[in-house]
Amino acid sequence: MNAMTWWDWETESVWSQPWGAAVRGELTGTRLTLLPYELVPWRTWLDRHPGTKVLVDERADLKYRGRIAIDRFVIGVSIGEAATGFYFASAANEGVVNGSVGDFPVVLFTDKETRVIHVFLRSPRRGLSGPGDLPDVLTFELTDSVELAGTRDIRDVETGSTWDIERGIATDGPLRGTLLQRAPYVSAYDWAWRDFNPHTAIWGDSSDELD
């Protein structure tokens, strides 16, 4: 399998970048924890976080220069021994995807304009102000906003609560204050994702293009 490997100075173990696991040396079999992150165009990030500071060297170039982001990749989600790859273009055209990774129900929120991706477990968790009794699984949908014409809200079908997808928290409705657990993901070419996750399920169509 063709992918980057790392080497640590302390144990001289060799680490697989896609797996986040040591494949040779003293720590063979040890896995690192994948943290949730966002992979977005620099322009999108700067629009949302204009005060961002970046550590660069003299070779860096943060100018957008009209580069076109690649659409033909999968959003790879791995939980335990299960894995699912969601084609970005298919997910972006849907906006909201209620899917699963093995036995774990997940939801993907994908904005094709900003290319922002959020992945959460669909099993809600009680927040500081959330209700005591929660549904086992939620189903999400985009709905037209009555308050703000031309905008879209994210609501769950089961209770009609409105959700802030940036934070994964219900902002209004019966589940107000309820939280969703963010699930980490990686972006990869479909062939690379299959190489390192041969047991993966695939959602979407490789021939899809952004509408």
N, C-alpha and C. Protein backbone atom coordinates (compact mmCIF):
# COMPACT_ATOMS: atom_id res chain seq x y z
N MET A 1 0.84 -1.19 0.00
CA MET A 1 0.00 0.00 0.00
C MET A 1 0.88 1.25 0.00
N ASN A 2 0.55 2.18 -0.87
CA ASN A 2 1.39 3.34 -1.07
C ASN A 2 0.84 4.52 -0.28
N ALA A 3 1.50 4.85 0.84
CA ALA A 3 1.08 5.99 1.65
C ALA A 3 2.23 6.42 2.54
N MET A 4 2.13 7.64 3.05
CA MET A 4 3.16 8.20 3.91
C MET A 4 3.31 7.41 5.20
N THR A 5 4.54 7.27 5.68
CA THR A 5 4.79 6.68 6.99
C THR A 5 5.58 7.68 7.83
N TRP A 6 5.45 7.56 9.14
CA TRP A 6 6.17 8.41 10.08
C TRP A 6 7.13 7.56 10.89
N TRP A 7 8.09 8.22 11.49
CA TRP A 7 9.07 7.54 12.34
C TRP A 7 9.21 8.35 13.61
N ASP A 8 9.05 7.70 14.79
CA ASP A 8 9.20 8.46 16.02
C ASP A 8 10.60 8.25 16.62
N TRP A 9 11.12 9.30 17.22
CA TRP A 9 12.49 9.28 17.73
C TRP A 9 12.62 8.46 19.00
N GLU A 10 11.55 8.43 19.80
CA GLU A 10 11.64 7.77 21.10
C GLU A 10 11.78 6.26 21.00
N THR A 11 10.98 5.62 20.13
CA THR A 11 10.99 4.15 20.07
C THR A 11 11.45 3.63 18.71
N GLU A 12 11.65 4.55 17.74
CA GLU A 12 12.03 4.19 16.38
C GLU A 12 10.99 3.29 15.70
N SER A 13 9.75 3.47 16.12
CA SER A 13 8.65 2.74 15.48
C SER A 13 8.24 3.46 14.19
N VAL A 14 7.69 2.70 13.24
CA VAL A 14 7.21 3.25 11.97
C VAL A 14 5.68 3.29 12.02
N TRP A 15 5.11 4.43 11.65
CA TRP A 15 3.67 4.65 11.78
C TRP A 15 3.02 4.83 10.41
N SER A 16 1.86 4.23 10.22
CA SER A 16 1.07 4.40 9.01
C SER A 16 0.22 5.66 9.14
N GLN A 17 0.34 6.57 8.16
CA GLN A 17 -0.44 7.80 8.21
C GLN A 17 -1.95 7.55 8.06
N PRO A 18 -2.44 6.73 7.11
CA PRO A 18 -3.89 6.52 7.00
C PRO A 18 -4.49 5.80 8.21
N TRP A 19 -3.75 4.84 8.78
CA TRP A 19 -4.28 4.09 9.93
C TRP A 19 -4.04 4.81 11.25
N GLY A 20 -3.01 5.65 11.32
CA GLY A 20 -2.63 6.24 12.59
C GLY A 20 -2.15 5.20 13.57
N ALA A 21 -1.50 4.16 13.04
CA ALA A 21 -1.06 3.03 13.87
C ALA A 21 0.39 2.68 13.56
N ALA A 22 1.08 2.18 14.57
CA ALA A 22 2.46 1.73 14.38
C ALA A 22 2.45 0.37 13.69
N VAL A 23 3.20 0.26 12.59
CA VAL A 23 3.22 -0.98 11.81
C VAL A 23 4.54 -1.72 11.94
N ARG A 24 5.52 -1.08 12.57
CA ARG A 24 6.82 -1.72 12.76
C ARG A 24 7.51 -1.10 13.97
N GLY A 25 8.23 -1.91 14.73
CA GLY A 25 8.98 -1.40 15.86
C GLY A 25 8.34 -1.72 17.19
N GLU A 26 8.86 -1.09 18.22
CA GLU A 26 8.45 -1.37 19.59
C GLU A 26 6.96 -1.17 19.84
N LEU A 27 6.36 -0.19 19.17
CA LEU A 27 4.95 0.15 19.42
C LEU A 27 4.00 -0.45 18.38
N THR A 28 4.42 -1.48 17.67
CA THR A 28 3.57 -2.10 16.65
C THR A 28 2.19 -2.44 17.22
N GLY A 29 1.15 -2.00 16.50
CA GLY A 29 -0.22 -2.25 16.93
C GLY A 29 -0.84 -1.11 17.71
N THR A 30 -0.02 -0.19 18.19
CA THR A 30 -0.53 0.95 18.94
C THR A 30 -1.20 1.94 17.98
N ARG A 31 -2.35 2.45 18.38
CA ARG A 31 -3.08 3.40 17.54
C ARG A 31 -3.15 4.77 18.20
N LEU A 32 -3.07 5.82 17.38
CA LEU A 32 -3.28 7.18 17.84
C LEU A 32 -4.76 7.53 17.72
N THR A 33 -5.22 8.48 18.53
CA THR A 33 -6.61 8.91 18.49
C THR A 33 -6.79 9.98 17.42
N LEU A 34 -7.72 9.74 16.50
CA LEU A 34 -8.01 10.73 15.45
C LEU A 34 -8.92 11.80 16.02
N LEU A 35 -8.48 13.06 15.95
CA LEU A 35 -9.27 14.17 16.47
C LEU A 35 -10.14 14.76 15.36
N PRO A 36 -11.35 15.22 15.70
CA PRO A 36 -12.17 15.91 14.70
C PRO A 36 -11.45 17.16 14.19
N TYR A 37 -11.60 17.45 12.91
CA TYR A 37 -10.97 18.61 12.32
C TYR A 37 -11.81 19.07 11.13
N GLU A 38 -11.44 20.18 10.53
CA GLU A 38 -12.11 20.65 9.33
C GLU A 38 -11.08 20.86 8.23
N LEU A 39 -11.35 20.30 7.07
CA LEU A 39 -10.52 20.52 5.89
C LEU A 39 -11.34 21.35 4.92
N VAL A 40 -11.03 22.65 4.83
CA VAL A 40 -11.80 23.57 3.99
C VAL A 40 -10.84 24.47 3.23
N PRO A 41 -11.30 25.09 2.14
CA PRO A 41 -10.45 26.06 1.44
C PRO A 41 -10.06 27.20 2.37
N TRP A 42 -8.88 27.74 2.16
CA TRP A 42 -8.38 28.83 3.00
C TRP A 42 -9.35 30.00 3.01
N ARG A 43 -9.96 30.31 1.87
CA ARG A 43 -10.89 31.43 1.79
C ARG A 43 -12.09 31.20 2.71
N THR A 44 -12.61 29.98 2.73
CA THR A 44 -13.75 29.66 3.60
C THR A 44 -13.37 29.84 5.07
N TRP A 45 -12.20 29.32 5.43
CA TRP A 45 -11.75 29.41 6.82
C TRP A 45 -11.59 30.88 7.22
N LEU A 46 -10.97 31.69 6.35
CA LEU A 46 -10.69 33.08 6.68
C LEU A 46 -11.98 33.89 6.79
N ASP A 47 -12.99 33.56 5.95
CA ASP A 47 -14.27 34.25 6.04
C ASP A 47 -14.94 34.00 7.39
N ARG A 48 -14.81 32.78 7.88
CA ARG A 48 -15.45 32.40 9.15
C ARG A 48 -14.62 32.81 10.36
N HIS A 49 -13.30 32.89 10.18
CA HIS A 49 -12.40 33.21 11.29
C HIS A 49 -11.39 34.27 10.82
N PRO A 50 -11.85 35.51 10.63
CA PRO A 50 -10.98 36.55 10.05
C PRO A 50 -9.77 36.89 10.91
N GLY A 51 -9.81 36.56 12.19
CA GLY A 51 -8.68 36.87 13.06
C GLY A 51 -7.65 35.77 13.15
N THR A 52 -7.73 34.78 12.27
CA THR A 52 -6.82 33.64 12.32
C THR A 52 -5.37 34.07 12.12
N LYS A 53 -4.49 33.51 12.93
CA LYS A 53 -3.05 33.68 12.76
C LYS A 53 -2.46 32.36 12.27
N VAL A 54 -1.53 32.43 11.35
CA VAL A 54 -0.96 31.24 10.74
C VAL A 54 0.56 31.29 10.86
N LEU A 55 1.13 30.17 11.29
CA LEU A 55 2.58 30.06 11.36
C LEU A 55 3.09 29.55 10.02
N VAL A 56 3.88 30.35 9.32
CA VAL A 56 4.37 29.98 8.00
C VAL A 56 5.87 30.26 7.93
N ASP A 57 6.50 29.70 6.91
CA ASP A 57 7.89 30.06 6.65
C ASP A 57 7.97 30.81 5.32
N GLU A 58 9.15 31.10 4.87
CA GLU A 58 9.31 31.95 3.68
C GLU A 58 8.82 31.28 2.40
N ARG A 59 8.59 29.97 2.44
CA ARG A 59 8.14 29.27 1.23
C ARG A 59 6.63 29.22 1.10
N ALA A 60 5.91 29.62 2.15
CA ALA A 60 4.46 29.45 2.18
C ALA A 60 3.76 30.43 1.24
N ASP A 61 2.60 29.98 0.72
CA ASP A 61 1.78 30.82 -0.14
C ASP A 61 0.33 30.57 0.23
N LEU A 62 -0.29 31.52 0.93
CA LEU A 62 -1.66 31.34 1.38
C LEU A 62 -2.67 32.03 0.45
N LYS A 63 -2.21 32.54 -0.67
CA LYS A 63 -3.13 33.19 -1.61
C LYS A 63 -3.93 32.13 -2.34
N TYR A 64 -5.20 32.43 -2.56
CA TYR A 64 -6.10 31.46 -3.19
C TYR A 64 -5.75 31.24 -4.66
N ARG A 65 -5.48 32.33 -5.38
CA ARG A 65 -5.05 32.29 -6.78
C ARG A 65 -5.99 31.48 -7.70
N GLY A 66 -7.27 31.40 -7.34
CA GLY A 66 -8.24 30.76 -8.22
C GLY A 66 -8.11 29.26 -8.33
N ARG A 67 -7.40 28.64 -7.42
CA ARG A 67 -7.26 27.18 -7.50
C ARG A 67 -8.62 26.53 -7.32
N ILE A 68 -8.83 25.41 -8.01
CA ILE A 68 -10.11 24.69 -7.94
C ILE A 68 -9.93 23.47 -7.04
N ALA A 69 -10.76 23.37 -6.02
CA ALA A 69 -10.66 22.23 -5.11
C ALA A 69 -11.13 20.96 -5.81
N ILE A 70 -10.57 19.84 -5.44
CA ILE A 70 -10.92 18.55 -6.03
C ILE A 70 -12.22 18.04 -5.41
N ASP A 71 -13.17 17.60 -6.25
CA ASP A 71 -14.45 17.09 -5.75
C ASP A 71 -14.48 15.57 -5.63
N ARG A 72 -13.62 14.90 -6.35
CA ARG A 72 -13.71 13.43 -6.41
C ARG A 72 -12.94 12.78 -5.26
N PHE A 73 -13.53 12.88 -4.08
CA PHE A 73 -12.95 12.20 -2.93
C PHE A 73 -14.08 11.70 -2.04
N VAL A 74 -13.75 10.85 -1.11
CA VAL A 74 -14.74 10.37 -0.15
C VAL A 74 -14.47 10.98 1.22
N ILE A 75 -15.54 11.17 1.95
CA ILE A 75 -15.46 11.54 3.36
C ILE A 75 -15.43 10.22 4.12
N GLY A 76 -14.27 9.86 4.62
CA GLY A 76 -14.09 8.55 5.24
C GLY A 76 -14.32 8.62 6.74
N VAL A 77 -15.27 7.82 7.22
CA VAL A 77 -15.59 7.78 8.65
C VAL A 77 -15.36 6.37 9.15
N SER A 78 -14.56 6.23 10.18
CA SER A 78 -14.24 4.93 10.76
C SER A 78 -14.55 4.96 12.25
N ILE A 79 -15.36 4.00 12.70
CA ILE A 79 -15.72 3.89 14.12
C ILE A 79 -15.52 2.44 14.53
N GLY A 80 -14.60 2.20 15.44
CA GLY A 80 -14.29 0.83 15.82
C GLY A 80 -13.76 0.06 14.63
N GLU A 81 -14.37 -1.06 14.33
CA GLU A 81 -13.95 -1.88 13.19
C GLU A 81 -14.75 -1.58 11.93
N ALA A 82 -15.71 -0.67 12.02
CA ALA A 82 -16.58 -0.35 10.88
C ALA A 82 -16.08 0.91 10.17
N ALA A 83 -16.36 0.98 8.87
CA ALA A 83 -15.94 2.14 8.08
C ALA A 83 -16.93 2.37 6.94
N THR A 84 -17.16 3.64 6.62
CA THR A 84 -18.00 4.01 5.48
C THR A 84 -17.36 5.21 4.79
N GLY A 85 -17.31 5.16 3.47
CA GLY A 85 -16.84 6.28 2.68
C GLY A 85 -18.01 6.94 1.98
N PHE A 86 -18.20 8.22 2.19
CA PHE A 86 -19.29 8.98 1.57
C PHE A 86 -18.71 9.87 0.48
N TYR A 87 -19.15 9.68 -0.77
CA TYR A 87 -18.64 10.53 -1.84
C TYR A 87 -19.03 11.98 -1.58
N PHE A 88 -18.02 12.87 -1.63
CA PHE A 88 -18.24 14.27 -1.31
C PHE A 88 -19.31 14.90 -2.19
N ALA A 89 -19.21 14.72 -3.51
CA ALA A 89 -20.16 15.36 -4.42
C ALA A 89 -21.59 14.89 -4.14
N SER A 90 -21.76 13.60 -3.90
CA SER A 90 -23.10 13.07 -3.59
C SER A 90 -23.63 13.69 -2.31
N ALA A 91 -22.77 13.76 -1.28
CA ALA A 91 -23.20 14.32 0.00
C ALA A 91 -23.48 15.81 -0.10
N ALA A 92 -22.66 16.54 -0.87
CA ALA A 92 -22.85 17.98 -1.00
C ALA A 92 -24.15 18.30 -1.73
N ASN A 93 -24.50 17.49 -2.73
CA ASN A 93 -25.75 17.72 -3.45
C ASN A 93 -26.96 17.45 -2.55
N GLU A 94 -26.83 16.53 -1.62
CA GLU A 94 -27.93 16.24 -0.69
C GLU A 94 -28.01 17.30 0.41
N GLY A 95 -26.87 17.78 0.85
CA GLY A 95 -26.85 18.74 1.96
C GLY A 95 -26.82 18.06 3.31
N VAL A 96 -27.77 17.14 3.52
CA VAL A 96 -27.84 16.36 4.76
C VAL A 96 -27.94 14.89 4.39
N VAL A 97 -27.08 14.07 4.97
CA VAL A 97 -27.11 12.62 4.74
C VAL A 97 -27.26 11.92 6.07
N ASN A 98 -28.36 11.20 6.23
CA ASN A 98 -28.57 10.35 7.39
C ASN A 98 -28.09 8.95 7.02
N GLY A 99 -26.93 8.58 7.52
CA GLY A 99 -26.33 7.30 7.14
C GLY A 99 -25.91 6.51 8.36
N SER A 100 -24.99 5.58 8.13
CA SER A 100 -24.50 4.75 9.22
C SER A 100 -23.07 4.32 8.93
N VAL A 101 -22.36 4.03 10.01
CA VAL A 101 -21.04 3.43 9.94
C VAL A 101 -21.13 2.17 10.79
N GLY A 102 -21.29 1.03 10.15
CA GLY A 102 -21.58 -0.19 10.88
C GLY A 102 -22.90 -0.03 11.61
N ASP A 103 -22.89 -0.25 12.93
CA ASP A 103 -24.10 -0.11 13.74
C ASP A 103 -24.30 1.30 14.27
N PHE A 104 -23.41 2.22 13.90
CA PHE A 104 -23.48 3.58 14.43
C PHE A 104 -24.19 4.51 13.45
N PRO A 105 -25.34 5.09 13.84
CA PRO A 105 -26.03 6.05 12.96
C PRO A 105 -25.29 7.38 12.98
N VAL A 106 -25.03 7.93 11.80
CA VAL A 106 -24.32 9.20 11.69
C VAL A 106 -25.09 10.14 10.77
N VAL A 107 -24.77 11.42 10.86
CA VAL A 107 -25.33 12.41 9.94
C VAL A 107 -24.19 13.26 9.42
N LEU A 108 -24.22 13.52 8.11
CA LEU A 108 -23.23 14.39 7.47
C LEU A 108 -23.93 15.65 7.00
N PHE A 109 -23.39 16.81 7.36
CA PHE A 109 -23.84 18.10 6.85
C PHE A 109 -22.74 18.62 5.94
N THR A 110 -23.04 18.78 4.66
CA THR A 110 -22.03 19.18 3.68
C THR A 110 -22.52 20.37 2.88
N ASP A 111 -21.77 21.46 2.91
CA ASP A 111 -22.12 22.68 2.20
C ASP A 111 -21.28 22.75 0.92
N LYS A 112 -21.92 22.67 -0.23
CA LYS A 112 -21.15 22.64 -1.48
C LYS A 112 -20.57 23.99 -1.86
N GLU A 113 -21.10 25.08 -1.26
CA GLU A 113 -20.55 26.40 -1.56
C GLU A 113 -19.27 26.65 -0.77
N THR A 114 -19.30 26.40 0.51
CA THR A 114 -18.13 26.64 1.36
C THR A 114 -17.25 25.40 1.50
N ARG A 115 -17.82 24.22 1.15
CA ARG A 115 -17.13 22.94 1.26
C ARG A 115 -16.88 22.54 2.71
N VAL A 116 -17.65 23.10 3.62
CA VAL A 116 -17.55 22.74 5.03
C VAL A 116 -18.28 21.41 5.24
N ILE A 117 -17.66 20.52 5.99
CA ILE A 117 -18.22 19.19 6.29
C ILE A 117 -18.29 19.02 7.80
N HIS A 118 -19.44 18.55 8.29
CA HIS A 118 -19.59 18.19 9.70
C HIS A 118 -20.15 16.78 9.77
N VAL A 119 -19.60 15.96 10.64
CA VAL A 119 -20.08 14.60 10.84
C VAL A 119 -20.37 14.42 12.32
N PHE A 120 -21.58 13.95 12.63
CA PHE A 120 -21.98 13.73 14.02
C PHE A 120 -22.64 12.36 14.14
N LEU A 121 -22.59 11.80 15.34
CA LEU A 121 -23.42 10.64 15.66
C LEU A 121 -24.86 11.13 15.81
N ARG A 122 -25.82 10.30 15.34
CA ARG A 122 -27.22 10.71 15.42
C ARG A 122 -27.89 10.30 16.72
N SER A 123 -27.11 9.80 17.66
CA SER A 123 -27.62 9.46 18.98
C SER A 123 -27.42 10.68 19.88
N PRO A 124 -28.48 11.40 20.25
CA PRO A 124 -28.32 12.65 20.99
C PRO A 124 -27.85 12.41 22.43
N ARG A 125 -27.17 13.43 22.97
CA ARG A 125 -26.67 13.38 24.34
C ARG A 125 -27.22 14.58 25.10
N ARG A 126 -27.57 14.35 26.36
CA ARG A 126 -28.16 15.42 27.15
C ARG A 126 -27.11 16.49 27.47
N GLY A 127 -27.43 17.74 27.16
CA GLY A 127 -26.55 18.84 27.49
C GLY A 127 -26.91 19.42 28.85
N LEU A 128 -26.34 20.57 29.17
CA LEU A 128 -26.59 21.19 30.47
C LEU A 128 -28.05 21.57 30.64
N SER A 129 -28.70 21.94 29.53
CA SER A 129 -30.10 22.36 29.61
C SER A 129 -31.02 21.45 28.81
N GLY A 130 -30.50 20.31 28.37
CA GLY A 130 -31.29 19.41 27.54
C GLY A 130 -32.31 18.63 28.35
N PRO A 131 -33.33 18.04 27.68
CA PRO A 131 -34.36 17.27 28.37
C PRO A 131 -33.80 15.95 28.90
N GLY A 132 -34.53 15.35 29.81
CA GLY A 132 -34.08 14.10 30.40
C GLY A 132 -34.23 12.92 29.47
N ASP A 133 -35.39 12.80 28.80
CA ASP A 133 -35.66 11.68 27.91
C ASP A 133 -35.32 12.07 26.47
N LEU A 134 -34.47 11.26 25.83
CA LEU A 134 -34.03 11.56 24.47
C LEU A 134 -34.36 10.42 23.54
N PRO A 135 -34.66 10.71 22.27
CA PRO A 135 -34.84 9.64 21.28
C PRO A 135 -33.54 8.86 21.12
N ASP A 136 -33.65 7.60 20.73
CA ASP A 136 -32.44 6.79 20.53
C ASP A 136 -31.63 7.29 19.33
N VAL A 137 -32.34 7.63 18.24
CA VAL A 137 -31.70 8.08 17.01
C VAL A 137 -32.53 9.22 16.42
N LEU A 138 -31.83 10.21 15.86
CA LEU A 138 -32.52 11.32 15.21
C LEU A 138 -32.32 11.26 13.70
N THR A 139 -33.29 11.79 12.97
CA THR A 139 -33.22 11.91 11.52
C THR A 139 -33.29 13.40 11.17
N PHE A 140 -32.33 13.89 10.38
CA PHE A 140 -32.23 15.32 10.12
C PHE A 140 -32.66 15.66 8.70
N GLU A 141 -33.16 16.89 8.53
CA GLU A 141 -33.56 17.36 7.22
C GLU A 141 -33.38 18.86 7.12
N LEU A 142 -33.24 19.34 5.88
CA LEU A 142 -33.20 20.78 5.60
C LEU A 142 -34.63 21.27 5.42
N THR A 143 -34.96 22.39 6.05
CA THR A 143 -36.29 22.96 5.88
C THR A 143 -36.15 24.45 5.61
N ASP A 144 -37.13 25.03 4.92
CA ASP A 144 -37.14 26.47 4.68
C ASP A 144 -37.38 27.21 5.99
N SER A 145 -36.63 28.26 6.22
CA SER A 145 -36.78 29.06 7.43
C SER A 145 -37.91 30.06 7.27
N VAL A 146 -38.82 30.07 8.23
CA VAL A 146 -39.92 31.03 8.20
C VAL A 146 -39.42 32.41 8.60
N GLU A 147 -38.50 32.44 9.57
CA GLU A 147 -38.02 33.72 10.10
C GLU A 147 -37.11 34.44 9.11
N LEU A 148 -36.25 33.71 8.41
CA LEU A 148 -35.29 34.33 7.52
C LEU A 148 -35.49 33.79 6.11
N ALA A 149 -36.16 34.52 5.28
CA ALA A 149 -36.45 34.08 3.92
C ALA A 149 -35.16 33.82 3.16
N GLY A 150 -35.15 32.72 2.44
CA GLY A 150 -34.00 32.39 1.62
C GLY A 150 -32.93 31.60 2.34
N THR A 151 -33.10 31.34 3.64
CA THR A 151 -32.13 30.55 4.40
C THR A 151 -32.69 29.15 4.65
N ARG A 152 -31.84 28.27 5.12
CA ARG A 152 -32.25 26.91 5.38
C ARG A 152 -31.95 26.56 6.82
N ASP A 153 -32.88 25.87 7.46
CA ASP A 153 -32.69 25.39 8.82
C ASP A 153 -32.41 23.90 8.80
N ILE A 154 -31.73 23.43 9.83
CA ILE A 154 -31.57 22.00 10.05
C ILE A 154 -32.48 21.62 11.19
N ARG A 155 -33.39 20.70 10.95
CA ARG A 155 -34.31 20.23 11.99
C ARG A 155 -34.29 18.71 12.04
N ASP A 156 -34.65 18.17 13.19
CA ASP A 156 -34.80 16.72 13.26
C ASP A 156 -36.26 16.36 13.06
N VAL A 157 -36.49 15.23 12.40
CA VAL A 157 -37.84 14.80 12.05
C VAL A 157 -38.62 14.40 13.30
N GLU A 158 -37.93 13.79 14.25
CA GLU A 158 -38.62 13.21 15.41
C GLU A 158 -39.27 14.26 16.31
N THR A 159 -38.60 15.42 16.52
CA THR A 159 -39.14 16.41 17.46
C THR A 159 -39.32 17.79 16.84
N GLY A 160 -38.78 18.03 15.64
CA GLY A 160 -38.88 19.34 15.03
C GLY A 160 -37.95 20.37 15.63
N SER A 161 -36.98 19.95 16.44
CA SER A 161 -36.03 20.87 17.04
C SER A 161 -35.07 21.40 15.98
N THR A 162 -34.61 22.63 16.16
CA THR A 162 -33.67 23.28 15.25
C THR A 162 -32.26 23.11 15.80
N TRP A 163 -31.28 22.89 14.88
CA TRP A 163 -29.91 22.57 15.31
C TRP A 163 -28.89 23.51 14.70
N ASP A 164 -27.89 23.86 15.51
CA ASP A 164 -26.71 24.59 15.05
C ASP A 164 -25.67 23.54 14.66
N ILE A 165 -25.42 23.40 13.36
CA ILE A 165 -24.53 22.32 12.92
C ILE A 165 -23.06 22.65 13.12
N GLU A 166 -22.74 23.91 13.37
CA GLU A 166 -21.35 24.25 13.68
C GLU A 166 -20.95 23.66 15.02
N ARG A 167 -21.87 23.71 15.98
CA ARG A 167 -21.58 23.24 17.33
C ARG A 167 -22.22 21.91 17.66
N GLY A 168 -23.17 21.46 16.83
CA GLY A 168 -23.84 20.20 17.11
C GLY A 168 -24.76 20.28 18.31
N ILE A 169 -25.49 21.39 18.44
CA ILE A 169 -26.37 21.59 19.59
C ILE A 169 -27.74 22.06 19.13
N ALA A 170 -28.79 21.56 19.79
CA ALA A 170 -30.15 21.99 19.48
C ALA A 170 -30.37 23.37 20.07
N THR A 171 -30.81 24.32 19.23
CA THR A 171 -30.96 25.71 19.67
C THR A 171 -32.40 26.08 19.98
N ASP A 172 -33.36 25.27 19.53
CA ASP A 172 -34.77 25.58 19.78
C ASP A 172 -35.58 24.30 19.65
N GLY A 173 -36.74 24.27 20.29
CA GLY A 173 -37.60 23.11 20.21
C GLY A 173 -37.48 22.23 21.43
N PRO A 174 -38.17 21.07 21.42
CA PRO A 174 -38.18 20.18 22.58
C PRO A 174 -36.79 19.70 23.04
N LEU A 175 -35.84 19.63 22.11
CA LEU A 175 -34.51 19.13 22.48
C LEU A 175 -33.49 20.24 22.72
N ARG A 176 -33.96 21.46 22.90
CA ARG A 176 -33.04 22.58 23.11
C ARG A 176 -32.00 22.26 24.19
N GLY A 177 -30.72 22.50 23.85
CA GLY A 177 -29.64 22.21 24.79
C GLY A 177 -29.05 20.83 24.64
N THR A 178 -29.66 20.00 23.81
CA THR A 178 -29.15 18.64 23.58
C THR A 178 -27.95 18.68 22.64
N LEU A 179 -27.00 17.79 22.86
CA LEU A 179 -25.75 17.79 22.09
C LEU A 179 -25.65 16.57 21.20
N LEU A 180 -24.91 16.71 20.10
CA LEU A 180 -24.50 15.59 19.26
C LEU A 180 -23.00 15.41 19.40
N GLN A 181 -22.54 14.16 19.38
CA GLN A 181 -21.11 13.90 19.46
C GLN A 181 -20.50 13.97 18.08
N ARG A 182 -19.46 14.79 17.93
CA ARG A 182 -18.79 14.94 16.64
C ARG A 182 -17.98 13.69 16.34
N ALA A 183 -18.05 13.22 15.09
CA ALA A 183 -17.28 12.06 14.66
C ALA A 183 -16.15 12.52 13.73
N PRO A 184 -14.93 12.11 13.97
CA PRO A 184 -13.83 12.50 13.09
C PRO A 184 -13.95 11.82 11.73
N TYR A 185 -13.39 12.47 10.71
CA TYR A 185 -13.40 11.91 9.37
C TYR A 185 -12.07 12.23 8.70
N VAL A 186 -11.82 11.58 7.59
CA VAL A 186 -10.67 11.92 6.75
C VAL A 186 -11.15 12.09 5.33
N SER A 187 -10.41 12.83 4.52
CA SER A 187 -10.70 12.93 3.10
C SER A 187 -9.67 12.10 2.35
N ALA A 188 -10.13 11.33 1.38
CA ALA A 188 -9.22 10.44 0.66
C ALA A 188 -9.80 10.11 -0.71
N TYR A 189 -8.92 9.81 -1.65
CA TYR A 189 -9.40 9.23 -2.90
C TYR A 189 -10.08 7.90 -2.59
N ASP A 190 -11.11 7.54 -3.37
CA ASP A 190 -11.84 6.32 -3.05
C ASP A 190 -10.95 5.08 -3.08
N TRP A 191 -10.00 5.04 -4.03
CA TRP A 191 -9.13 3.86 -4.11
C TRP A 191 -8.22 3.77 -2.89
N ALA A 192 -7.76 4.92 -2.37
CA ALA A 192 -6.91 4.91 -1.18
C ALA A 192 -7.71 4.50 0.05
N TRP A 193 -8.93 5.02 0.15
CA TRP A 193 -9.79 4.65 1.29
C TRP A 193 -10.06 3.15 1.28
N ARG A 194 -10.33 2.58 0.10
CA ARG A 194 -10.58 1.14 0.00
C ARG A 194 -9.32 0.33 0.32
N ASP A 195 -8.17 0.83 -0.10
CA ASP A 195 -6.92 0.12 0.16
C ASP A 195 -6.70 -0.10 1.66
N PHE A 196 -6.95 0.95 2.43
CA PHE A 196 -6.67 0.88 3.86
C PHE A 196 -7.90 0.49 4.69
N ASN A 197 -9.05 0.42 4.04
CA ASN A 197 -10.28 -0.01 4.71
C ASN A 197 -11.03 -0.97 3.78
N PRO A 198 -10.48 -2.16 3.52
CA PRO A 198 -11.08 -3.06 2.54
C PRO A 198 -12.49 -3.53 2.93
N HIS A 199 -12.86 -3.38 4.19
CA HIS A 199 -14.18 -3.79 4.66
C HIS A 199 -15.20 -2.66 4.56
N THR A 200 -14.82 -1.53 3.99
CA THR A 200 -15.66 -0.34 4.02
C THR A 200 -16.95 -0.49 3.24
N ALA A 201 -17.98 0.19 3.70
CA ALA A 201 -19.18 0.42 2.90
C ALA A 201 -18.98 1.73 2.16
N ILE A 202 -19.68 1.90 1.05
CA ILE A 202 -19.58 3.14 0.26
C ILE A 202 -20.97 3.71 0.05
N TRP A 203 -21.10 5.02 0.28
CA TRP A 203 -22.37 5.72 0.05
C TRP A 203 -22.17 6.73 -1.07
N GLY A 204 -23.15 6.78 -1.99
CA GLY A 204 -23.07 7.74 -3.07
C GLY A 204 -22.56 7.12 -4.35
N ASP A 205 -22.29 7.97 -5.35
CA ASP A 205 -21.90 7.51 -6.68
C ASP A 205 -20.62 8.22 -7.09
N SER A 206 -19.64 7.47 -7.53
CA SER A 206 -18.35 8.04 -7.92
C SER A 206 -18.45 8.97 -9.13
N SER A 207 -19.52 8.84 -9.91
CA SER A 207 -19.69 9.67 -11.11
C SER A 207 -20.44 10.97 -10.83
N ASP A 208 -20.92 11.14 -9.60
CA ASP A 208 -21.66 12.37 -9.27
C ASP A 208 -20.77 13.60 -9.37
N GLU A 209 -21.35 14.71 -9.82
CA GLU A 209 -20.68 15.99 -9.84
C GLU A 209 -21.56 17.00 -9.09
N LEU A 210 -20.96 18.08 -8.60
CA LEU A 210 -21.74 19.08 -7.89
C LEU A 210 -22.77 19.71 -8.82
N ASP A 211 -23.99 19.83 -8.33
CA ASP A 211 -25.07 20.44 -9.12
C ASP A 211 -24.79 21.92 -9.34
